[in-house]
């Protein structure tokens, strides 16, 4: 008798959703992609070619997809504005959920997903912070956890996208929550991972410019942002995000401890090829985020399927996703107001008099 497979659906078939769907279909042995949803005709046309021939049922109505016979789990990769709504609907329908980051651009709405999950403790509900599944980041975590660099005290991390001259990110900024919530949410999550999930923010300050996409200003966003987050207990994080890298995607992290430091992806490369030319020696780097973290997404889908089937613990708590959104939103507010934002030792926001 063949082993049982997790009956899973994918919601959203844009760039990220299509990648999730194909990973589930071809690279997750313990899962069976049985259904997929998109409200977009172009995405459904793609699915008719790439998914439907493998027996995947296509839906243009999310609620109808949730009624698919035998469905056990849903991967949500739609636009950010409907992440929480779709996650809660799936949870209420008694389905396991893997939701792309962030749960929402709002702290309160993100918390509503956590509350829904708490009401169904038998379900596995995970926010897709893909870097937590990357082999290099996990290696760094193991070394931190073993005390190899002493006490982690400073984290510098960046998410820098290759320049997209089409202007895609201008319109995307209408609902993304801003560069800190969209891009740096990964780096914020890393700070909470390496510093400890219970780390409490003491202050945040953010700055930004529109170097190549001035139209972002109409959505109160920037194409280059810098954020500094101070945590209670003597720890500090520095975040950088950019939409204008010329050579390709460059996401890197440095964890500085009292007895050493760890650096991940300081010099990015697509592979081990070096190209010698009359102008010098160079190597190419990934053109986009997925090019760097492709294998992390595959690991993510496999570990999620295993947790659902074997009833094992997920690798990290859902509550961390709310903490990350809280910090991201505070950074975005600081960016737009020019003010530093403070929190007390319980994490509650406080107002300090200006000198």
Protein backbone atom coordinates (compact mmCIF):
# COMPACT_ATOMS: atom_id res chain seq x y z
CA UNK A 1 0.00 0.00 0.00
CA UNK A 2 1.55 3.39 -0.99
CA UNK A 3 2.17 5.89 1.84
CA UNK A 4 -0.52 8.49 2.45
CA UNK A 5 0.10 11.92 0.97
CA UNK A 6 -1.09 15.27 2.28
CA UNK A 7 -3.93 16.52 0.08
CA UNK A 8 -3.00 20.16 -0.46
CA UNK A 9 -4.13 23.18 -2.48
CA UNK A 10 -2.38 26.34 -3.59
CA UNK A 11 -4.11 29.71 -3.40
CA UNK A 12 -2.65 32.28 -5.77
CA UNK A 13 -0.74 31.46 -8.95
CA UNK A 14 1.34 34.57 -9.51
CA UNK A 15 5.13 34.40 -9.50
CA UNK A 16 5.42 33.08 -5.97
CA UNK A 17 2.25 30.98 -6.05
CA UNK A 18 3.30 29.25 -9.27
CA UNK A 19 6.61 28.31 -7.69
CA UNK A 20 4.85 26.91 -4.63
CA UNK A 21 2.47 24.94 -6.83
CA UNK A 22 5.25 23.39 -8.90
CA UNK A 23 7.26 22.54 -5.77
CA UNK A 24 4.23 20.78 -4.30
CA UNK A 25 3.55 19.00 -7.57
CA UNK A 26 7.06 17.78 -8.36
CA UNK A 27 9.40 18.24 -5.38
CA UNK A 28 7.37 17.36 -2.27
CA UNK A 29 7.01 13.54 -2.23
CA UNK A 30 4.69 13.45 0.79
CA UNK A 31 2.22 15.96 -0.64
CA UNK A 32 -0.27 15.75 -3.49
CA UNK A 33 -1.39 18.99 -5.09
CA UNK A 34 -5.07 18.41 -5.72
CA UNK A 35 -6.43 21.93 -6.23
CA UNK A 36 -5.39 25.49 -7.04
CA UNK A 37 -7.14 28.84 -6.93
CA UNK A 38 -6.70 32.16 -8.70
CA UNK A 39 -9.11 34.98 -9.57
CA UNK A 40 -6.83 35.95 -12.47
CA UNK A 41 -7.59 34.56 -15.94
CA UNK A 42 -3.94 34.70 -17.03
CA UNK A 43 -2.85 32.72 -13.98
CA UNK A 44 -5.58 30.14 -14.58
CA UNK A 45 -4.48 29.85 -18.21
CA UNK A 46 -0.94 29.09 -16.99
CA UNK A 47 -2.37 26.50 -14.58
CA UNK A 48 -4.32 24.77 -17.35
CA UNK A 49 -1.02 24.06 -19.06
CA UNK A 50 1.22 23.32 -16.05
CA UNK A 51 -1.10 21.93 -13.34
CA UNK A 52 -4.38 20.63 -14.76
CA UNK A 53 -2.78 17.82 -16.86
CA UNK A 54 -1.45 16.38 -13.57
CA UNK A 55 -4.96 16.13 -12.14
CA UNK A 56 -5.04 19.45 -10.29
CA UNK A 57 -8.57 20.89 -10.06
CA UNK A 58 -8.64 24.62 -10.83
CA UNK A 59 -10.92 27.11 -9.08
CA UNK A 60 -11.73 30.77 -9.59
CA UNK A 61 -13.61 30.85 -6.25
CA UNK A 62 -11.55 30.42 -3.07
CA UNK A 63 -14.49 29.32 -0.91
CA UNK A 64 -15.37 26.61 -3.43
CA UNK A 65 -11.78 25.37 -3.41
CA UNK A 66 -11.94 24.92 0.35
CA UNK A 67 -14.82 22.48 -0.22
CA UNK A 68 -12.67 20.26 -2.47
CA UNK A 69 -13.28 16.67 -1.35
CA UNK A 70 -10.45 15.34 0.82
CA UNK A 71 -8.57 18.65 1.00
CA UNK A 72 -6.36 18.82 4.12
CA UNK A 73 -4.08 21.84 3.72
CA UNK A 74 -3.70 25.13 1.85
CA UNK A 75 -0.65 27.14 0.81
CA UNK A 76 -1.58 30.82 0.55
CA UNK A 77 0.48 32.85 -1.91
CA UNK A 78 -2.01 35.49 -3.04
CA UNK A 79 -1.55 39.27 -2.66
CA UNK A 80 -0.73 40.38 0.88
CA UNK A 81 -4.06 42.13 1.40
CA UNK A 82 -5.96 38.82 1.47
CA UNK A 83 -3.43 36.63 3.30
CA UNK A 84 -5.16 36.89 6.67
CA UNK A 85 -8.69 36.54 5.32
CA UNK A 86 -7.83 33.41 3.36
CA UNK A 87 -5.78 31.92 6.21
CA UNK A 88 -8.65 32.35 8.68
CA UNK A 89 -11.16 30.88 6.23
CA UNK A 90 -8.93 27.84 5.74
CA UNK A 91 -8.40 27.41 9.49
CA UNK A 92 -12.14 27.67 10.12
CA UNK A 93 -12.62 25.03 7.40
CA UNK A 94 -10.27 22.77 9.43
CA UNK A 95 -7.34 22.95 7.01
CA UNK A 96 -3.63 23.20 7.81
CA UNK A 97 -2.15 26.46 6.49
CA UNK A 98 1.19 27.60 5.14
CA UNK A 99 0.82 31.34 4.51
CA UNK A 100 3.34 33.48 2.67
CA UNK A 101 4.82 36.38 4.62
CA UNK A 102 3.56 38.67 6.01
CA UNK A 103 0.32 37.43 7.56
CA UNK A 104 -0.95 40.98 7.05
CA UNK A 105 0.32 44.53 6.87
CA UNK A 106 -1.53 45.19 10.15
CA UNK A 107 -0.54 43.98 13.61
CA UNK A 108 -4.16 43.55 14.67
CA UNK A 109 -5.14 41.58 11.57
CA UNK A 110 -2.01 39.42 11.87
CA UNK A 111 -2.98 38.67 15.47
CA UNK A 112 -6.42 37.56 14.29
CA UNK A 113 -4.75 34.74 12.33
CA UNK A 114 -2.86 33.67 15.45
CA UNK A 115 -6.12 33.74 17.44
CA UNK A 116 -7.88 31.60 14.83
CA UNK A 117 -5.01 29.09 14.93
CA UNK A 118 -5.13 28.93 18.73
CA UNK A 119 -8.79 27.93 18.51
CA UNK A 120 -7.76 24.93 16.35
CA UNK A 121 -4.64 23.59 18.11
CA UNK A 122 -4.72 20.34 16.10
CA UNK A 123 -3.94 22.31 12.93
CA UNK A 124 -0.49 23.27 11.69
CA UNK A 125 -0.37 26.98 10.79
CA UNK A 126 2.95 28.38 9.56
CA UNK A 127 4.08 31.73 8.16
CA UNK A 128 6.50 31.25 5.26
CA UNK A 129 9.71 32.90 6.39
CA UNK A 130 11.78 31.06 3.80
CA UNK A 131 15.22 31.98 5.14
CA UNK A 132 14.53 29.84 8.19
CA UNK A 133 14.66 26.85 5.84
CA UNK A 134 17.90 27.84 4.09
CA UNK A 135 20.88 25.57 4.80
CA UNK A 136 23.33 28.45 5.34
CA UNK A 137 21.07 30.30 7.76
CA UNK A 138 20.42 27.07 9.66
CA UNK A 139 24.16 26.41 9.85
CA UNK A 140 24.62 29.91 11.30
CA UNK A 141 21.83 29.29 13.80
CA UNK A 142 23.38 26.01 14.97
CA UNK A 143 26.70 27.74 15.51
CA UNK A 144 25.05 30.60 17.41
CA UNK A 145 23.08 28.16 19.51
CA UNK A 146 26.25 26.22 20.39
CA UNK A 147 27.91 29.41 21.64
CA UNK A 148 30.48 29.56 18.82
CA UNK A 149 30.40 33.38 18.66
CA UNK A 150 29.53 34.07 22.28
CA UNK A 151 26.41 36.15 22.85
CA UNK A 152 24.84 37.47 19.61
CA UNK A 153 24.67 41.24 20.10
CA UNK A 154 24.52 42.97 16.71
CA UNK A 155 22.77 41.87 13.52
CA UNK A 156 23.16 43.52 10.14
CA UNK A 157 20.88 42.17 7.44
CA UNK A 158 19.66 43.24 4.02
CA UNK A 159 17.17 42.33 1.32
CA UNK A 160 18.20 43.93 -1.97
CA UNK A 161 16.31 43.25 -5.19
CA UNK A 162 17.62 43.60 -8.71
CA UNK A 163 16.34 46.76 -10.37
CA UNK A 164 13.07 46.15 -12.22
CA UNK A 165 12.72 48.98 -14.77
CA UNK A 166 9.10 48.03 -15.49
CA UNK A 167 7.93 49.92 -12.40
CA UNK A 168 6.23 46.83 -10.97
CA UNK A 169 7.12 47.75 -7.40
CA UNK A 170 5.49 51.17 -7.68
CA UNK A 171 2.01 49.75 -8.10
CA UNK A 172 2.85 46.84 -5.78
CA UNK A 173 3.52 49.44 -3.05
CA UNK A 174 -0.20 50.26 -2.99
CA UNK A 175 -0.86 47.17 -0.89
CA UNK A 176 2.57 45.79 0.16
CA UNK A 177 2.68 47.67 3.46
CA UNK A 178 5.90 49.44 2.50
CA UNK A 179 9.49 48.40 1.99
CA UNK A 180 10.12 47.49 5.63
CA UNK A 181 7.01 45.29 5.90
CA UNK A 182 7.52 43.74 2.47
CA UNK A 183 11.31 43.42 2.06
CA UNK A 184 12.85 43.72 5.51
CA UNK A 185 10.23 41.49 7.14
CA UNK A 186 12.65 38.59 6.41
CA UNK A 187 15.54 40.41 8.09
CA UNK A 188 13.35 41.34 11.06
CA UNK A 189 12.38 37.70 11.46
CA UNK A 190 16.07 36.74 11.38
CA UNK A 191 16.78 39.17 14.22
CA UNK A 192 14.03 37.57 16.28
CA UNK A 193 15.46 34.13 15.45
CA UNK A 194 19.09 34.81 16.30
CA UNK A 195 18.41 37.13 19.24
CA UNK A 196 15.63 34.92 20.60
CA UNK A 197 11.92 34.79 19.73
CA UNK A 198 11.02 36.54 22.98
CA UNK A 199 13.23 39.56 22.28
CA UNK A 200 11.43 42.82 23.03
CA UNK A 201 11.87 45.99 20.99
CA UNK A 202 13.13 49.08 22.80
CA UNK A 203 13.17 51.59 19.93
CA UNK A 204 13.03 51.86 16.14
CA UNK A 205 14.17 54.53 13.71
CA UNK A 206 14.05 54.48 9.92
CA UNK A 207 15.21 56.51 6.94
CA UNK A 208 14.79 56.19 3.19
CA UNK A 209 15.16 57.71 -0.26
CA UNK A 210 13.60 57.32 -3.70
CA UNK A 211 16.71 57.08 -5.84
CA UNK A 212 15.24 55.52 -9.00
CA UNK A 213 11.46 55.32 -8.51
CA UNK A 214 10.16 58.72 -7.30
CA UNK A 215 6.54 57.66 -7.94
CA UNK A 216 6.81 55.52 -4.79
CA UNK A 217 6.36 58.71 -2.77
CA UNK A 218 2.64 58.79 -3.60
CA UNK A 219 2.31 55.55 -1.60
CA UNK A 220 4.57 56.82 1.19
CA UNK A 221 7.25 54.34 0.25
CA UNK A 222 10.91 54.39 -0.85
CA UNK A 223 13.21 52.28 -3.00
CA UNK A 224 16.03 52.30 -0.45
CA UNK A 225 15.42 52.08 3.28
CA UNK A 226 17.57 51.81 6.40
CA UNK A 227 16.14 50.82 9.76
CA UNK A 228 17.75 50.54 13.19
CA UNK A 229 16.04 48.49 15.90
CA UNK A 230 17.23 48.45 19.50
CA UNK A 231 16.16 45.54 21.71
CA UNK A 232 15.97 45.43 25.47
CA UNK A 233 18.89 43.47 26.89
CA UNK A 234 21.61 45.23 24.93
CA UNK A 235 21.08 44.04 21.35
CA UNK A 236 20.75 46.04 18.15
CA UNK A 237 19.80 45.29 14.53
CA UNK A 238 20.49 47.26 11.37
CA UNK A 239 18.34 46.58 8.30
CA UNK A 240 18.84 47.70 4.70
CA UNK A 241 16.42 47.20 1.82
CA UNK A 242 16.76 48.20 -1.80
CA UNK A 243 14.92 47.87 -5.11
CA UNK A 244 17.83 48.96 -7.31
CA UNK A 245 20.69 46.46 -7.25
CA UNK A 246 22.34 46.53 -10.68
CA UNK A 247 24.00 43.10 -10.73
CA UNK A 248 21.20 40.99 -9.21
CA UNK A 249 19.69 39.87 -5.92
CA UNK A 250 21.88 40.41 -2.87
CA UNK A 251 20.45 39.24 0.45
CA UNK A 252 23.02 38.93 3.22
CA UNK A 253 23.23 38.78 7.00
CA UNK A 254 25.96 39.30 9.56
CA UNK A 255 25.60 38.19 13.19
CA UNK A 256 28.20 39.73 15.50
CA UNK A 257 28.73 38.09 18.88
CA UNK A 258 30.92 38.77 21.88
CA UNK A 259 33.43 36.14 20.70
CA UNK A 260 33.14 36.19 16.91
CA UNK A 261 30.84 36.78 13.97
CA UNK A 262 29.05 34.87 11.21
CA UNK A 263 28.39 36.20 7.71
CA UNK A 264 25.92 34.67 5.26
CA UNK A 265 26.12 35.39 1.52
CA UNK A 266 28.46 38.38 1.71
CA UNK A 267 29.64 37.70 -1.84
CA UNK A 268 26.65 36.26 -3.72
CA UNK A 269 27.03 33.88 -6.66
CA UNK A 270 24.70 31.86 -8.86
CA UNK A 271 27.19 29.01 -8.99
CA UNK A 272 30.94 28.38 -8.74
CA UNK A 273 31.70 29.70 -12.23
CA UNK A 274 34.20 32.56 -12.56
CA UNK A 275 34.34 34.35 -15.92
CA UNK A 276 37.69 35.77 -17.02
CA UNK A 277 37.35 38.56 -19.58
CA UNK A 278 39.54 41.39 -20.93
CA UNK A 279 38.02 43.73 -18.36
CA UNK A 280 38.68 41.41 -15.41
CA UNK A 281 37.29 38.40 -13.54
CA UNK A 282 33.66 38.29 -12.52
CA UNK A 283 30.91 35.91 -11.40
CA UNK A 284 27.18 36.20 -11.94
CA UNK A 285 24.70 36.40 -9.07
CA UNK A 286 21.03 35.33 -8.84
CA UNK A 287 18.66 37.67 -10.73
CA UNK A 288 15.88 37.42 -8.15
CA UNK A 289 14.97 36.28 -4.65
CA UNK A 290 13.89 32.80 -5.71
CA UNK A 291 17.22 32.25 -7.43
CA UNK A 292 18.90 32.54 -4.04
CA UNK A 293 16.33 30.66 -1.92
CA UNK A 294 14.90 28.06 -4.32
CA UNK A 295 16.04 25.12 -2.19
CA UNK A 296 14.77 26.77 0.99
CA UNK A 297 11.25 26.87 -0.48
CA UNK A 298 11.49 23.15 -1.33
CA UNK A 299 12.63 22.36 2.22
CA UNK A 300 9.79 24.50 3.57
CA UNK A 301 7.09 22.59 1.66
CA UNK A 302 8.54 19.22 2.63
CA UNK A 303 8.84 20.06 6.32
CA UNK A 304 5.33 21.51 6.37
CA UNK A 305 3.90 18.36 4.77
CA UNK A 306 5.78 16.18 7.25
CA UNK A 307 4.51 18.19 10.24
CA UNK A 308 0.91 17.87 9.02
CA UNK A 309 1.15 14.14 8.35
CA UNK A 310 3.20 13.16 11.41
CA UNK A 311 1.71 15.70 13.84
CA UNK A 312 5.16 17.02 14.75
CA UNK A 313 6.05 20.52 15.90
CA UNK A 314 6.56 23.27 13.37
CA UNK A 315 10.07 24.79 13.31
CA UNK A 316 8.95 28.13 14.78
CA UNK A 317 5.95 29.78 16.42
CA UNK A 318 3.29 31.67 14.50
CA UNK A 319 3.36 34.46 17.09
CA UNK A 320 6.75 35.52 15.74
CA UNK A 321 5.03 36.60 12.53
CA UNK A 322 3.04 39.16 14.54
CA UNK A 323 6.21 40.45 16.21
CA UNK A 324 7.84 40.88 12.81
CA UNK A 325 4.88 42.85 11.43
CA UNK A 326 4.84 45.01 14.57
CA UNK A 327 8.48 45.97 14.04
CA UNK A 328 8.04 46.44 10.28
CA UNK A 329 5.03 48.72 10.75
CA UNK A 330 6.88 50.77 13.37
CA UNK A 331 9.82 51.20 10.99
CA UNK A 332 7.48 52.28 8.19
CA UNK A 333 5.85 54.81 10.52
CA UNK A 334 9.22 56.14 11.61
CA UNK A 335 10.21 56.49 7.96
CA UNK A 336 7.13 58.59 7.18
CA UNK A 337 7.05 60.70 10.35
CA UNK A 338 10.77 61.21 10.87
CA UNK A 339 10.34 60.25 14.51
CA UNK A 340 12.02 57.60 16.62
CA UNK A 341 9.51 55.24 18.22
CA UNK A 342 9.95 53.82 21.74
CA UNK A 343 8.63 50.77 23.61
CA UNK A 344 8.74 49.80 27.29
CA UNK A 345 10.16 46.53 28.65
CA UNK A 346 6.85 44.76 28.02
CA UNK A 347 6.83 45.79 24.36
CA UNK A 348 4.13 48.41 24.81
CA UNK A 349 4.57 51.62 22.87
CA UNK A 350 5.40 54.73 24.89
CA UNK A 351 5.74 58.40 24.07
CA UNK A 352 8.87 60.29 25.04
CA UNK A 353 9.03 64.06 25.25
CA UNK A 354 11.12 65.71 22.54
CA UNK A 355 14.01 67.91 23.71
